[in-house]
Amino acid sequence: MSFEVGVTGSVRASHVMPGFPPPEGEPHSHDYRMEVAIERDGLDEAGMLIDLDALGRALEATMAEIAGTDLGEYLRMPAVTVERFAEWAHGRIAEAIGDVPGATMRVRVWEGPEAFGGYSAPTG
């Protein structure tokens, strides 16, 4: 048995997948939907897993950092997949919230209503 909380948000950014045919092989934008969830077995003394406002601020700051950018240039990656984007976002959000002992954080990046990539790891 475990508890889970999460927040979501949206951000527009562009990327390119070198070597792929258009449209993927040319610069193009997505309205990415980002989803962050934290899970662990127990709650803290206040009866929470983490303060949702703090988690929301961390996600908002992460999205603001990349809003309107070319992800390949900003993240210094030749091909920014949703998996790589989720891993990068996980690192930024984990840094902002600090260690949540015993917790695992999952980040999903949706590039459309039916397609996402994700990354999951401890917060610390």
PDB file of N, CA and C in Angstrom:
ATOM      1  N   MET A   1       0.849  -1.174   0.000  1.00  0.00           N
ATOM      2  CA  MET A   1       0.000   0.000   0.000  1.00  0.00           C
ATOM      3  C   MET A   1       0.892   1.234   0.000  1.00  0.00           C
ATOM      4  N   SER A   2       0.508   2.225  -0.815  1.00  0.00           N
ATOM      5  CA  SER A   2       1.270   3.469  -0.850  1.00  0.00           C
ATOM      6  C   SER A   2       0.340   4.632  -1.144  1.00  0.00           C
ATOM      7  N   PHE A   3       0.854   5.830  -0.884  1.00  0.00           N
ATOM      8  CA  PHE A   3       0.138   7.076  -1.150  1.00  0.00           C
ATOM      9  C   PHE A   3       0.756   7.741  -2.367  1.00  0.00           C
ATOM     10  N   GLU A   4      -0.031   8.565  -3.058  1.00  0.00           N
ATOM     11  CA  GLU A   4       0.471   9.264  -4.224  1.00  0.00           C
ATOM     12  C   GLU A   4      -0.210  10.623  -4.325  1.00  0.00           C
ATOM     13  N   VAL A   5       0.563  11.641  -4.703  1.00  0.00           N
ATOM     14  CA  VAL A   5       0.032  12.959  -5.030  1.00  0.00           C
ATOM     15  C   VAL A   5       0.713  13.433  -6.299  1.00  0.00           C
ATOM     16  N   GLY A   6       0.080  14.383  -6.992  1.00  0.00           N
ATOM     17  CA  GLY A   6       0.697  14.874  -8.208  1.00  0.00           C
ATOM     18  C   GLY A   6       0.113  16.184  -8.674  1.00  0.00           C
ATOM     19  N   VAL A   7       0.809  16.775  -9.628  1.00  0.00           N
ATOM     20  CA  VAL A   7       0.395  18.026 -10.260  1.00  0.00           C
ATOM     21  C   VAL A   7       0.649  17.919 -11.759  1.00  0.00           C
ATOM     22  N   THR A   8      -0.039  18.751 -12.519  1.00  0.00           N
ATOM     23  CA  THR A   8       0.162  18.779 -13.969  1.00  0.00           C
ATOM     24  C   THR A   8       0.255  20.226 -14.449  1.00  0.00           C
ATOM     25  N   GLY A   9       0.782  20.384 -15.628  1.00  0.00           N
ATOM     26  CA  GLY A   9       0.861  21.695 -16.257  1.00  0.00           C
ATOM     27  C   GLY A   9       1.165  21.533 -17.729  1.00  0.00           C
ATOM     28  N   SER A  10       1.129  22.635 -18.456  1.00  0.00           N
ATOM     29  CA  SER A  10       1.392  22.610 -19.895  1.00  0.00           C
ATOM     30  C   SER A  10       2.411  23.671 -20.263  1.00  0.00           C
ATOM     31  N   VAL A  11       3.217  23.356 -21.273  1.00  0.00           N
ATOM     32  CA  VAL A  11       4.225  24.286 -21.763  1.00  0.00           C
ATOM     33  C   VAL A  11       4.447  24.039 -23.251  1.00  0.00           C
ATOM     34  N   ARG A  12       4.686  25.110 -23.985  1.00  0.00           N
ATOM     35  CA  ARG A  12       4.956  24.997 -25.420  1.00  0.00           C
ATOM     36  C   ARG A  12       6.451  25.171 -25.642  1.00  0.00           C
ATOM     37  N   ALA A  13       7.021  24.232 -26.392  1.00  0.00           N
ATOM     38  CA  ALA A  13       8.439  24.279 -26.748  1.00  0.00           C
ATOM     39  C   ALA A  13       8.611  23.517 -28.057  1.00  0.00           C
ATOM     40  N   SER A  14       9.771  23.673 -28.673  1.00  0.00           N
ATOM     41  CA  SER A  14      10.016  22.993 -29.935  1.00  0.00           C
ATOM     42  C   SER A  14      11.197  22.041 -29.821  1.00  0.00           C
ATOM     43  N   HIS A  15      11.288  21.148 -30.795  1.00  0.00           N
ATOM     44  CA  HIS A  15      12.414  20.227 -30.877  1.00  0.00           C
ATOM     45  C   HIS A  15      12.498  19.702 -32.296  1.00  0.00           C
ATOM     46  N   VAL A  16      13.526  18.924 -32.555  1.00  0.00           N
ATOM     47  CA  VAL A  16      13.712  18.293 -33.852  1.00  0.00           C
ATOM     48  C   VAL A  16      14.316  16.914 -33.608  1.00  0.00           C
ATOM     49  N   MET A  17      13.990  15.973 -34.461  1.00  0.00           N
ATOM     50  CA  MET A  17      14.546  14.631 -34.383  1.00  0.00           C
ATOM     51  C   MET A  17      15.425  14.424 -35.619  1.00  0.00           C
ATOM     52  N   PRO A  18      16.721  14.716 -35.502  1.00  0.00           N
ATOM     53  CA  PRO A  18      17.611  14.614 -36.665  1.00  0.00           C
ATOM     54  C   PRO A  18      17.545  13.225 -37.314  1.00  0.00           C
ATOM     55  N   GLY A  19      17.518  13.224 -38.640  1.00  0.00           N
ATOM     56  CA  GLY A  19      17.497  11.967 -39.375  1.00  0.00           C
ATOM     57  C   GLY A  19      16.113  11.407 -39.618  1.00  0.00           C
ATOM     58  N   PHE A  20      15.089  12.001 -39.015  1.00  0.00           N
ATOM     59  CA  PHE A  20      13.716  11.547 -39.230  1.00  0.00           C
ATOM     60  C   PHE A  20      13.091  12.364 -40.357  1.00  0.00           C
ATOM     61  N   PRO A  21      12.125  11.792 -41.049  1.00  0.00           N
ATOM     62  CA  PRO A  21      11.430  12.569 -42.083  1.00  0.00           C
ATOM     63  C   PRO A  21      10.542  13.639 -41.435  1.00  0.00           C
ATOM     64  N   PRO A  22      10.144  14.657 -42.215  1.00  0.00           N
ATOM     65  CA  PRO A  22       9.227  15.662 -41.685  1.00  0.00           C
ATOM     66  C   PRO A  22       7.916  15.020 -41.245  1.00  0.00           C
ATOM     67  N   PRO A  23       7.248  15.529 -40.260  1.00  0.00           N
ATOM     68  CA  PRO A  23       7.582  16.761 -39.554  1.00  0.00           C
ATOM     69  C   PRO A  23       8.599  16.581 -38.430  1.00  0.00           C
ATOM     70  N   GLU A  24       8.844  15.307 -38.005  1.00  0.00           N
ATOM     71  CA  GLU A  24       9.748  15.094 -36.871  1.00  0.00           C
ATOM     72  C   GLU A  24      11.169  15.567 -37.145  1.00  0.00           C
ATOM     73  N   GLY A  25      11.618  15.448 -38.390  1.00  0.00           N
ATOM     74  CA  GLY A  25      12.985  15.805 -38.732  1.00  0.00           C
ATOM     75  C   GLY A  25      13.218  17.287 -38.931  1.00  0.00           C
ATOM     76  N   GLU A  26      12.167  18.081 -38.818  1.00  0.00           N
ATOM     77  CA  GLU A  26      12.281  19.529 -38.923  1.00  0.00           C
ATOM     78  C   GLU A  26      11.858  20.146 -37.588  1.00  0.00           C
ATOM     79  N   PRO A  27      12.357  21.347 -37.272  1.00  0.00           N
ATOM     80  CA  PRO A  27      11.914  21.985 -36.016  1.00  0.00           C
ATOM     81  C   PRO A  27      10.388  22.113 -35.994  1.00  0.00           C
ATOM     82  N   HIS A  28       9.803  21.683 -34.904  1.00  0.00           N
ATOM     83  CA  HIS A  28       8.362  21.759 -34.723  1.00  0.00           C
ATOM     84  C   HIS A  28       8.043  21.882 -33.242  1.00  0.00           C
ATOM     85  N   SER A  29       6.892  22.430 -32.948  1.00  0.00           N
ATOM     86  CA  SER A  29       6.492  22.675 -31.558  1.00  0.00           C
ATOM     87  C   SER A  29       5.452  21.677 -31.086  1.00  0.00           C
ATOM     88  N   HIS A  30       5.424  21.530 -29.768  1.00  0.00           N
ATOM     89  CA  HIS A  30       4.390  20.745 -29.094  1.00  0.00           C
ATOM     90  C   HIS A  30       3.875  21.564 -27.922  1.00  0.00           C
ATOM     91  N   ASP A  31       2.620  21.352 -27.605  1.00  0.00           N
ATOM     92  CA  ASP A  31       2.077  21.827 -26.343  1.00  0.00           C
ATOM     93  C   ASP A  31       2.198  20.644 -25.395  1.00  0.00           C
ATOM     94  N   TYR A  32       3.343  20.577 -24.721  1.00  0.00           N
ATOM     95  CA  TYR A  32       3.626  19.453 -23.835  1.00  0.00           C
ATOM     96  C   TYR A  32       2.776  19.552 -22.577  1.00  0.00           C
ATOM     97  N   ARG A  33       2.263  18.432 -22.149  1.00  0.00           N
ATOM     98  CA  ARG A  33       1.595  18.334 -20.856  1.00  0.00           C
ATOM     99  C   ARG A  33       2.547  17.585 -19.937  1.00  0.00           C
ATOM    100  N   MET A  34       2.865  18.192 -18.820  1.00  0.00           N
ATOM    101  CA  MET A  34       3.786  17.565 -17.875  1.00  0.00           C
ATOM    102  C   MET A  34       3.007  17.130 -16.637  1.00  0.00           C
ATOM    103  N   GLU A  35       3.317  15.938 -16.191  1.00  0.00           N
ATOM    104  CA  GLU A  35       2.638  15.335 -15.041  1.00  0.00           C
ATOM    105  C   GLU A  35       3.713  14.849 -14.081  1.00  0.00           C
ATOM    106  N   VAL A  36       3.606  15.266 -12.829  1.00  0.00           N
ATOM    107  CA  VAL A  36       4.575  14.863 -11.808  1.00  0.00           C
ATOM    108  C   VAL A  36       3.812  14.203 -10.676  1.00  0.00           C
ATOM    109  N   ALA A  37       4.238  13.017 -10.272  1.00  0.00           N
ATOM    110  CA  ALA A  37       3.604  12.309  -9.158  1.00  0.00           C
ATOM    111  C   ALA A  37       4.678  11.790  -8.216  1.00  0.00           C
ATOM    112  N   ILE A  38       4.391  11.885  -6.936  1.00  0.00           N
ATOM    113  CA  ILE A  38       5.298  11.373  -5.908  1.00  0.00           C
ATOM    114  C   ILE A  38       4.553  10.299  -5.131  1.00  0.00           C
ATOM    115  N   GLU A  39       5.251   9.202  -4.873  1.00  0.00           N
ATOM    116  CA  GLU A  39       4.648   8.054  -4.200  1.00  0.00           C
ATOM    117  C   GLU A  39       5.577   7.563  -3.090  1.00  0.00           C
ATOM    118  N   ARG A  40       4.981   7.175  -1.974  1.00  0.00           N
ATOM    119  CA  ARG A  40       5.724   6.490  -0.915  1.00  0.00           C
ATOM    120  C   ARG A  40       4.741   5.799   0.015  1.00  0.00           C
ATOM    121  N   ASP A  41       5.277   4.959   0.876  1.00  0.00           N
ATOM    122  CA  ASP A  41       4.436   4.134   1.734  1.00  0.00           C
ATOM    123  C   ASP A  41       3.770   4.901   2.864  1.00  0.00           C
ATOM    124  N   GLY A  42       4.411   5.919   3.405  1.00  0.00           N
ATOM    125  CA  GLY A  42       3.858   6.613   4.558  1.00  0.00           C
ATOM    126  C   GLY A  42       3.738   8.109   4.355  1.00  0.00           C
ATOM    127  N   LEU A  43       3.046   8.738   5.294  1.00  0.00           N
ATOM    128  CA  LEU A  43       2.867  10.182   5.288  1.00  0.00           C
ATOM    129  C   LEU A  43       3.751  10.813   6.356  1.00  0.00           C
ATOM    130  N   ASP A  44       3.936  12.125   6.261  1.00  0.00           N
ATOM    131  CA  ASP A  44       4.738  12.823   7.272  1.00  0.00           C
ATOM    132  C   ASP A  44       3.879  13.149   8.494  1.00  0.00           C
ATOM    133  N   GLU A  45       4.461  13.891   9.431  1.00  0.00           N
ATOM    134  CA  GLU A  45       3.773  14.218  10.680  1.00  0.00           C
ATOM    135  C   GLU A  45       2.504  15.039  10.447  1.00  0.00           C
ATOM    136  N   ALA A  46       2.463  15.783   9.340  1.00  0.00           N
ATOM    137  CA  ALA A  46       1.294  16.601   9.016  1.00  0.00           C
ATOM    138  C   ALA A  46       0.235  15.807   8.247  1.00  0.00           C
ATOM    139  N   GLY A  47       0.514  14.523   7.977  1.00  0.00           N
ATOM    140  CA  GLY A  47      -0.430  13.698   7.236  1.00  0.00           C
ATOM    141  C   GLY A  47      -0.350  13.884   5.734  1.00  0.00           C
ATOM    142  N   MET A  48       0.815  14.385   5.271  1.00  0.00           N
ATOM    143  CA  MET A  48       0.999  14.617   3.837  1.00  0.00           C
ATOM    144  C   MET A  48       2.195  13.828   3.334  1.00  0.00           C
ATOM    145  N   LEU A  49       2.188  13.600   2.043  1.00  0.00           N
ATOM    146  CA  LEU A  49       3.348  13.021   1.388  1.00  0.00           C
ATOM    147  C   LEU A  49       4.343  14.140   1.086  1.00  0.00           C
ATOM    148  N   ILE A  50       3.825  15.227   0.515  1.00  0.00           N
ATOM    149  CA  ILE A  50       4.589  16.445   0.229  1.00  0.00           C
ATOM    150  C   ILE A  50       3.572  17.573   0.084  1.00  0.00           C
ATOM    151  N   ASP A  51       3.987  18.779   0.339  1.00  0.00           N
ATOM    152  CA  ASP A  51       3.135  19.945   0.151  1.00  0.00           C
ATOM    153  C   ASP A  51       2.869  20.116  -1.353  1.00  0.00           C
ATOM    154  N   LEU A  52       1.623  20.010  -1.760  1.00  0.00           N
ATOM    155  CA  LEU A  52       1.269  20.124  -3.175  1.00  0.00           C
ATOM    156  C   LEU A  52       1.625  21.495  -3.749  1.00  0.00           C
ATOM    157  N   ASP A  53       1.556  22.534  -2.934  1.00  0.00           N
ATOM    158  CA  ASP A  53       1.930  23.860  -3.426  1.00  0.00           C
ATOM    159  C   ASP A  53       3.416  23.901  -3.781  1.00  0.00           C
ATOM    160  N   ALA A  54       4.259  23.288  -2.953  1.00  0.00           N
ATOM    161  CA  ALA A  54       5.701  23.248  -3.239  1.00  0.00           C
ATOM    162  C   ALA A  54       5.974  22.442  -4.505  1.00  0.00           C
ATOM    163  N   LEU A  55       5.289  21.332  -4.671  1.00  0.00           N
ATOM    164  CA  LEU A  55       5.457  20.521  -5.869  1.00  0.00           C
ATOM    165  C   LEU A  55       4.984  21.293  -7.099  1.00  0.00           C
ATOM    166  N   GLY A  56       3.867  21.996  -6.973  1.00  0.00           N
ATOM    167  CA  GLY A  56       3.357  22.802  -8.073  1.00  0.00           C
ATOM    168  C   GLY A  56       4.307  23.925  -8.462  1.00  0.00           C
ATOM    169  N   ARG A  57       4.905  24.588  -7.459  1.00  0.00           N
ATOM    170  CA  ARG A  57       5.873  25.656  -7.754  1.00  0.00           C
ATOM    171  C   ARG A  57       7.092  25.099  -8.479  1.00  0.00           C
ATOM    172  N   ALA A  58       7.538  23.920  -8.069  1.00  0.00           N
ATOM    173  CA  ALA A  58       8.702  23.297  -8.718  1.00  0.00           C
ATOM    174  C   ALA A  58       8.394  22.969 -10.176  1.00  0.00           C
ATOM    175  N   LEU A  59       7.209  22.453 -10.446  1.00  0.00           N
ATOM    176  CA  LEU A  59       6.823  22.161 -11.824  1.00  0.00           C
ATOM    177  C   LEU A  59       6.695  23.451 -12.623  1.00  0.00           C
ATOM    178  N   GLU A  60       6.041  24.467 -12.062  1.00  0.00           N
ATOM    179  CA  GLU A  60       5.885  25.749 -12.758  1.00  0.00           C
ATOM    180  C   GLU A  60       7.229  26.353 -13.111  1.00  0.00           C
ATOM    181  N   ALA A  61       8.181  26.322 -12.186  1.00  0.00           N
ATOM    182  CA  ALA A  61       9.513  26.875 -12.448  1.00  0.00           C
ATOM    183  C   ALA A  61      10.216  26.105 -13.554  1.00  0.00           C
ATOM    184  N   THR A  62      10.052  24.797 -13.558  1.00  0.00           N
ATOM    185  CA  THR A  62      10.664  23.961 -14.592  1.00  0.00           C
ATOM    186  C   THR A  62      10.067  24.280 -15.958  1.00  0.00           C
ATOM    187  N   MET A  63       8.757  24.419 -16.016  1.00  0.00           N
ATOM    188  CA  MET A  63       8.110  24.740 -17.280  1.00  0.00           C
ATOM    189  C   MET A  63       8.488  26.143 -17.751  1.00  0.00           C
ATOM    190  N   ALA A  64       8.553  27.102 -16.834  1.00  0.00           N
ATOM    191  CA  ALA A  64       8.921  28.472 -17.203  1.00  0.00           C
ATOM    192  C   ALA A  64      10.327  28.523 -17.786  1.00  0.00           C
ATOM    193  N   GLU A  65      11.203  27.659 -17.280  1.00  0.00           N
ATOM    194  CA  GLU A  65      12.587  27.634 -17.749  1.00  0.00           C
ATOM    195  C   GLU A  65      12.691  27.278 -19.232  1.00  0.00           C
ATOM    196  N   ILE A  66      11.810  26.425 -19.716  1.00  0.00           N
ATOM    197  CA  ILE A  66      11.937  25.949 -21.098  1.00  0.00           C
ATOM    198  C   ILE A  66      10.839  26.474 -22.026  1.00  0.00           C
ATOM    199  N   ALA A  67       9.924  27.273 -21.504  1.00  0.00           N
ATOM    200  CA  ALA A  67       8.814  27.775 -22.319  1.00  0.00           C
ATOM    201  C   ALA A  67       9.329  28.537 -23.530  1.00  0.00           C
ATOM    202  N   GLY A  68       8.856  28.137 -24.703  1.00  0.00           N
ATOM    203  CA  GLY A  68       9.212  28.810 -25.939  1.00  0.00           C
ATOM    204  C   GLY A  68      10.595  28.517 -26.480  1.00  0.00           C
ATOM    205  N   THR A  69      11.323  27.633 -25.840  1.00  0.00           N
ATOM    206  CA  THR A  69      12.691  27.357 -26.283  1.00  0.00           C
ATOM    207  C   THR A  69      12.731  26.244 -27.322  1.00  0.00           C
ATOM    208  N   ASP A  70      13.876  26.125 -27.961  1.00  0.00           N
ATOM    209  CA  ASP A  70      14.224  24.951 -28.744  1.00  0.00           C
ATOM    210  C   ASP A  70      14.871  24.000 -27.741  1.00  0.00           C
ATOM    211  N   LEU A  71      14.202  22.918 -27.434  1.00  0.00           N
ATOM    212  CA  LEU A  71      14.679  22.015 -26.383  1.00  0.00           C
ATOM    213  C   LEU A  71      16.057  21.446 -26.682  1.00  0.00           C
ATOM    214  N   GLY A  72      16.338  21.142 -27.933  1.00  0.00           N
ATOM    215  CA  GLY A  72      17.646  20.601 -28.291  1.00  0.00           C
ATOM    216  C   GLY A  72      18.762  21.565 -27.945  1.00  0.00           C
ATOM    217  N   GLU A  73      18.568  22.840 -28.266  1.00  0.00           N
ATOM    218  CA  GLU A  73      19.573  23.846 -27.941  1.00  0.00           C
ATOM    219  C   GLU A  73      19.642  24.089 -26.444  1.00  0.00           C
ATOM    220  N   TYR A  74      18.479  24.233 -25.804  1.00  0.00           N
ATOM    221  CA  TYR A  74      18.459  24.552 -24.383  1.00  0.00           C
ATOM    222  C   TYR A  74      19.023  23.412 -23.526  1.00  0.00           C
ATOM    223  N   LEU A  75      18.605  22.191 -23.833  1.00  0.00           N
ATOM    224  CA  LEU A  75      19.051  21.041 -23.041  1.00  0.00           C
ATOM    225  C   LEU A  75      20.373  20.469 -23.547  1.00  0.00           C
ATOM    226  N   ARG A  76      20.865  21.022 -24.655  1.00  0.00           N
ATOM    227  CA  ARG A  76      22.132  20.590 -25.257  1.00  0.00           C
ATOM    228  C   ARG A  76      22.120  19.100 -25.598  1.00  0.00           C
ATOM    229  N   MET A  77      21.033  18.713 -26.258  1.00  0.00           N
ATOM    230  CA  MET A  77      20.864  17.339 -26.725  1.00  0.00           C
ATOM    231  C   MET A  77      20.541  17.385 -28.206  1.00  0.00           C
ATOM    232  N   PRO A  78      21.142  16.522 -29.006  1.00  0.00           N
ATOM    233  CA  PRO A  78      20.820  16.542 -30.440  1.00  0.00           C
ATOM    234  C   PRO A  78      19.378  16.123 -30.727  1.00  0.00           C
ATOM    235  N   ALA A  79      18.853  15.196 -29.961  1.00  0.00           N
ATOM    236  CA  ALA A  79      17.481  14.729 -30.156  1.00  0.00           C
ATOM    237  C   ALA A  79      16.798  14.653 -28.796  1.00  0.00           C
ATOM    238  N   VAL A  80      15.847  15.536 -28.570  1.00  0.00           N
ATOM    239  CA  VAL A  80      15.123  15.539 -27.301  1.00  0.00           C
ATOM    240  C   VAL A  80      13.859  14.710 -27.464  1.00  0.00           C
ATOM    241  N   THR A  81      13.897  13.509 -26.924  1.00  0.00           N
ATOM    242  CA  THR A  81      12.720  12.642 -26.902  1.00  0.00           C
ATOM    243  C   THR A  81      11.923  12.954 -25.642  1.00  0.00           C
ATOM    244  N   VAL A  82      10.692  12.479 -25.584  1.00  0.00           N
ATOM    245  CA  VAL A  82       9.905  12.708 -24.370  1.00  0.00           C
ATOM    246  C   VAL A  82      10.531  12.001 -23.176  1.00  0.00           C
ATOM    247  N   GLU A  83      11.232  10.889 -23.414  1.00  0.00           N
ATOM    248  CA  GLU A  83      11.904  10.191 -22.315  1.00  0.00           C
ATOM    249  C   GLU A  83      13.039  11.046 -21.742  1.00  0.00           C
ATOM    250  N   ARG A  84      13.851  11.610 -22.623  1.00  0.00           N
ATOM    251  CA  ARG A  84      14.958  12.460 -22.167  1.00  0.00           C
ATOM    252  C   ARG A  84      14.445  13.739 -21.516  1.00  0.00           C
ATOM    253  N   PHE A  85      13.390  14.291 -22.080  1.00  0.00           N
ATOM    254  CA  PHE A  85      12.786  15.499 -21.520  1.00  0.00           C
ATOM    255  C   PHE A  85      12.264  15.203 -20.115  1.00  0.00           C
ATOM    256  N   ALA A  86      11.619  14.066 -19.923  1.00  0.00           N
ATOM    257  CA  ALA A  86      11.107  13.684 -18.602  1.00  0.00           C
ATOM    258  C   ALA A  86      12.242  13.487 -17.600  1.00  0.00           C
ATOM    259  N   GLU A  87      13.344  12.887 -18.032  1.00  0.00           N
ATOM    260  CA  GLU A  87      14.492  12.698 -17.135  1.00  0.00           C
ATOM    261  C   GLU A  87      15.071  14.051 -16.710  1.00  0.00           C
ATOM    262  N   TRP A  88      15.217  14.967 -17.663  1.00  0.00           N
ATOM    263  CA  TRP A  88      15.727  16.301 -17.348  1.00  0.00           C
ATOM    264  C   TRP A  88      14.800  17.004 -16.358  1.00  0.00           C
ATOM    265  N   ALA A  89      13.477  16.968 -16.627  1.00  0.00           N
ATOM    266  CA  ALA A  89      12.510  17.620 -15.747  1.00  0.00           C
ATOM    267  C   ALA A  89      12.537  17.004 -14.351  1.00  0.00           C
ATOM    268  N   HIS A  90      12.696  15.695 -14.271  1.00  0.00           N
ATOM    269  CA  HIS A  90      12.791  15.023 -12.971  1.00  0.00           C
ATOM    270  C   HIS A  90      13.934  15.622 -12.159  1.00  0.00           C
ATOM    271  N   GLY A  91      15.085  15.794 -12.785  1.00  0.00           N
ATOM    272  CA  GLY A  91      16.233  16.355 -12.081  1.00  0.00           C
ATOM    273  C   GLY A  91      15.976  17.755 -11.575  1.00  0.00           C
ATOM    274  N   ARG A  92      15.353  18.600 -12.398  1.00  0.00           N
ATOM    275  CA  ARG A  92      15.064  19.982 -11.997  1.00  0.00           C
ATOM    276  C   ARG A  92      14.064  20.020 -10.843  1.00  0.00           C
ATOM    277  N   ILE A  93      13.009  19.224 -10.955  1.00  0.00           N
ATOM    278  CA  ILE A  93      11.965  19.221  -9.921  1.00  0.00           C
ATOM    279  C   ILE A  93      12.499  18.628  -8.630  1.00  0.00           C
ATOM    280  N   ALA A  94      13.258  17.538  -8.725  1.00  0.00           N
ATOM    281  CA  ALA A  94      13.837  16.924  -7.522  1.00  0.00           C
ATOM    282  C   ALA A  94      14.769  17.897  -6.813  1.00  0.00           C
ATOM    283  N   GLU A  95      15.545  18.647  -7.568  1.00  0.00           N
ATOM    284  CA  GLU A  95      16.434  19.653  -6.988  1.00  0.00           C
ATOM    285  C   GLU A  95      15.632  20.725  -6.249  1.00  0.00           C
ATOM    286  N   ALA A  96      14.509  21.120  -6.818  1.00  0.00           N
ATOM    287  CA  ALA A  96      13.688  22.176  -6.222  1.00  0.00           C
ATOM    288  C   ALA A  96      12.978  21.730  -4.948  1.00  0.00           C
ATOM    289  N   ILE A  97      12.504  20.491  -4.913  1.00  0.00           N
ATOM    290  CA  ILE A  97      11.743  20.045  -3.730  1.00  0.00           C
ATOM    291  C   ILE A  97      12.623  19.421  -2.659  1.00  0.00           C
ATOM    292  N   GLY A  98      13.825  19.012  -3.020  1.00  0.00           N
ATOM    293  CA  GLY A  98      14.697  18.344  -2.061  1.00  0.00           C
ATOM    294  C   GLY A  98      14.290  16.896  -1.856  1.00  0.00           C
ATOM    295  N   ASP A  99      15.024  16.229  -1.007  1.00  0.00           N
ATOM    296  CA  ASP A  99      14.768  14.814  -0.760  1.00  0.00           C
ATOM    297  C   ASP A  99      13.470  14.620   0.012  1.00  0.00           C
ATOM    298  N   VAL A 100      12.647  13.730  -0.453  1.00  0.00           N
ATOM    299  CA  VAL A 100      11.460  13.285   0.268  1.00  0.00           C
ATOM    300  C   VAL A 100      11.780  11.843   0.638  1.00  0.00           C
ATOM    301  N   PRO A 101      12.206  11.591   1.879  1.00  0.00           N
ATOM    302  CA  PRO A 101      12.690  10.261   2.259  1.00  0.00           C
ATOM    303  C   PRO A 101      11.722   9.136   1.888  1.00  0.00           C
ATOM    304  N   GLY A 102      12.262   8.136   1.217  1.00  0.00           N
ATOM    305  CA  GLY A 102      11.490   6.958   0.850  1.00  0.00           C
ATOM    306  C   GLY A 102      10.552   7.142  -0.322  1.00  0.00           C
ATOM    307  N   ALA A 103      10.618   8.303  -0.986  1.00  0.00           N
ATOM    308  CA  ALA A 103       9.669   8.591  -2.059  1.00  0.00           C
ATOM    309  C   ALA A 103      10.279   8.348  -3.440  1.00  0.00           C
ATOM    310  N   THR A 104       9.421   7.990  -4.361  1.00  0.00           N
ATOM    311  CA  THR A 104       9.762   7.883  -5.768  1.00  0.00           C
ATOM    312  C   THR A 104       8.955   8.935  -6.506  1.00  0.00           C
ATOM    313  N   MET A 105       9.608   9.636  -7.419  1.00  0.00           N
ATOM    314  CA  MET A 105       8.916  10.639  -8.226  1.00  0.00           C
ATOM    315  C   MET A 105       8.871  10.161  -9.670  1.00  0.00           C
ATOM    316  N   ARG A 106       7.695  10.288 -10.261  1.00  0.00           N
ATOM    317  CA  ARG A 106       7.489   9.933 -11.665  1.00  0.00           C
ATOM    318  C   ARG A 106       7.146  11.197 -12.435  1.00  0.00           C
ATOM    319  N   VAL A 107       7.828  11.412 -13.547  1.00  0.00           N
ATOM    320  CA  VAL A 107       7.520  12.528 -14.428  1.00  0.00           C
ATOM    321  C   VAL A 107       7.100  11.944 -15.768  1.00  0.00           C
ATOM    322  N   ARG A 108       5.959  12.389 -16.260  1.00  0.00           N
ATOM    323  CA  ARG A 108       5.501  12.020 -17.592  1.00  0.00           C
ATOM    324  C   ARG A 108       5.395  13.287 -18.420  1.00  0.00           C
ATOM    325  N   VAL A 109       5.868  13.203 -19.652  1.00  0.00           N
ATOM    326  CA  VAL A 109       5.766  14.302 -20.599  1.00  0.00           C
ATOM    327  C   VAL A 109       4.925  13.809 -21.771  1.00  0.00           C
ATOM    328  N   TRP A 110       3.790  14.444 -21.955  1.00  0.00           N
ATOM    329  CA  TRP A 110       2.870  14.091 -23.037  1.00  0.00           C
ATOM    330  C   TRP A 110       3.104  15.045 -24.196  1.00  0.00           C
ATOM    331  N   GLU A 111       3.376  14.521 -25.393  1.00  0.00           N
ATOM    332  CA  GLU A 111       3.527  15.392 -26.553  1.00  0.00           C
ATOM    333  C   GLU A 111       2.250  15.449 -27.367  1.00  0.00           C
ATOM    334  N   GLY A 112       1.257  14.737 -26.944  1.00  0.00           N
ATOM    335  CA  GLY A 112      -0.058  14.723 -27.573  1.00  0.00           C
ATOM    336  C   GLY A 112      -1.011  13.989 -26.658  1.00  0.00           C
ATOM    337  N   PRO A 113      -2.279  13.930 -27.003  1.00  0.00           N
ATOM    338  CA  PRO A 113      -3.253  13.300 -26.117  1.00  0.00           C
ATOM    339  C   PRO A 113      -3.070  11.801 -25.938  1.00  0.00           C
ATOM    340  N   GLU A 114      -2.297  11.160 -26.816  1.00  0.00           N
ATOM    341  CA  GLU A 114      -2.177   9.706 -26.752  1.00  0.00           C
ATOM    342  C   GLU A 114      -0.747   9.209 -26.649  1.00  0.00           C
ATOM    343  N   ALA A 115       0.218  10.123 -26.457  1.00  0.00           N
ATOM    344  CA  ALA A 115       1.624   9.694 -26.466  1.00  0.00           C
ATOM    345  C   ALA A 115       2.413  10.414 -25.382  1.00  0.00           C
ATOM    346  N   PHE A 116       3.127   9.619 -24.573  1.00  0.00           N
ATOM    347  CA  PHE A 116       3.952  10.209 -23.511  1.00  0.00           C
ATOM    348  C   PHE A 116       5.214   9.404 -23.336  1.00  0.00           C
ATOM    349  N   GLY A 117       6.166  10.012 -22.657  1.00  0.00           N
ATOM    350  CA  GLY A 117       7.371   9.343 -22.193  1.00  0.00           C
ATOM    351  C   GLY A 117       7.529   9.692 -20.735  1.00  0.00           C
ATOM    352  N   GLY A 118       8.228   8.853 -20.008  1.00  0.00           N
ATOM    353  CA  GLY A 118       8.356   9.111 -18.580  1.00  0.00           C
ATOM    354  C   GLY A 118       9.697   8.705 -18.010  1.00  0.00           C
ATOM    355  N   TYR A 119       9.894   9.149 -16.775  1.00  0.00           N
ATOM    356  CA  TYR A 119      11.101   8.818 -16.027  1.00  0.00           C
ATOM    357  C   TYR A 119      10.710   8.756 -14.555  1.00  0.00           C
ATOM    358  N   SER A 120      11.202   7.740 -13.867  1.00  0.00           N
ATOM    359  CA  SER A 120      10.884   7.533 -12.458  1.00  0.00           C
ATOM    360  C   SER A 120      12.137   7.194 -11.689  1.00  0.00           C
ATOM    361  N   ALA A 121      12.326   7.850 -10.533  1.00  0.00           N
ATOM    362  CA  ALA A 121      13.495   7.607  -9.686  1.00  0.00           C
ATOM    363  C   ALA A 121      13.223   8.214  -8.312  1.00  0.00           C
ATOM    364  N   PRO A 122      14.015   7.836  -7.313  1.00  0.00           N
ATOM    365  CA  PRO A 122      13.888   8.476  -6.009  1.00  0.00           C
ATOM    366  C   PRO A 122      14.117   9.988  -6.090  1.00  0.00           C
ATOM    367  N   THR A 123      13.586  10.723  -5.133  1.00  0.00           N
ATOM    368  CA  THR A 123      13.739  12.174  -5.136  1.00  0.00           C
ATOM    369  C   THR A 123      15.110  12.616  -4.657  1.00  0.00           C
ATOM    370  N   GLY A 124      15.776  11.829  -3.870  1.00  0.00           N
ATOM    371  CA  GLY A 124      17.052  12.240  -3.279  1.00  0.00           C
ATOM    372  C   GLY A 124      18.255  11.857  -4.072  1.00  0.00           C
TER     373      GLY A 124
END
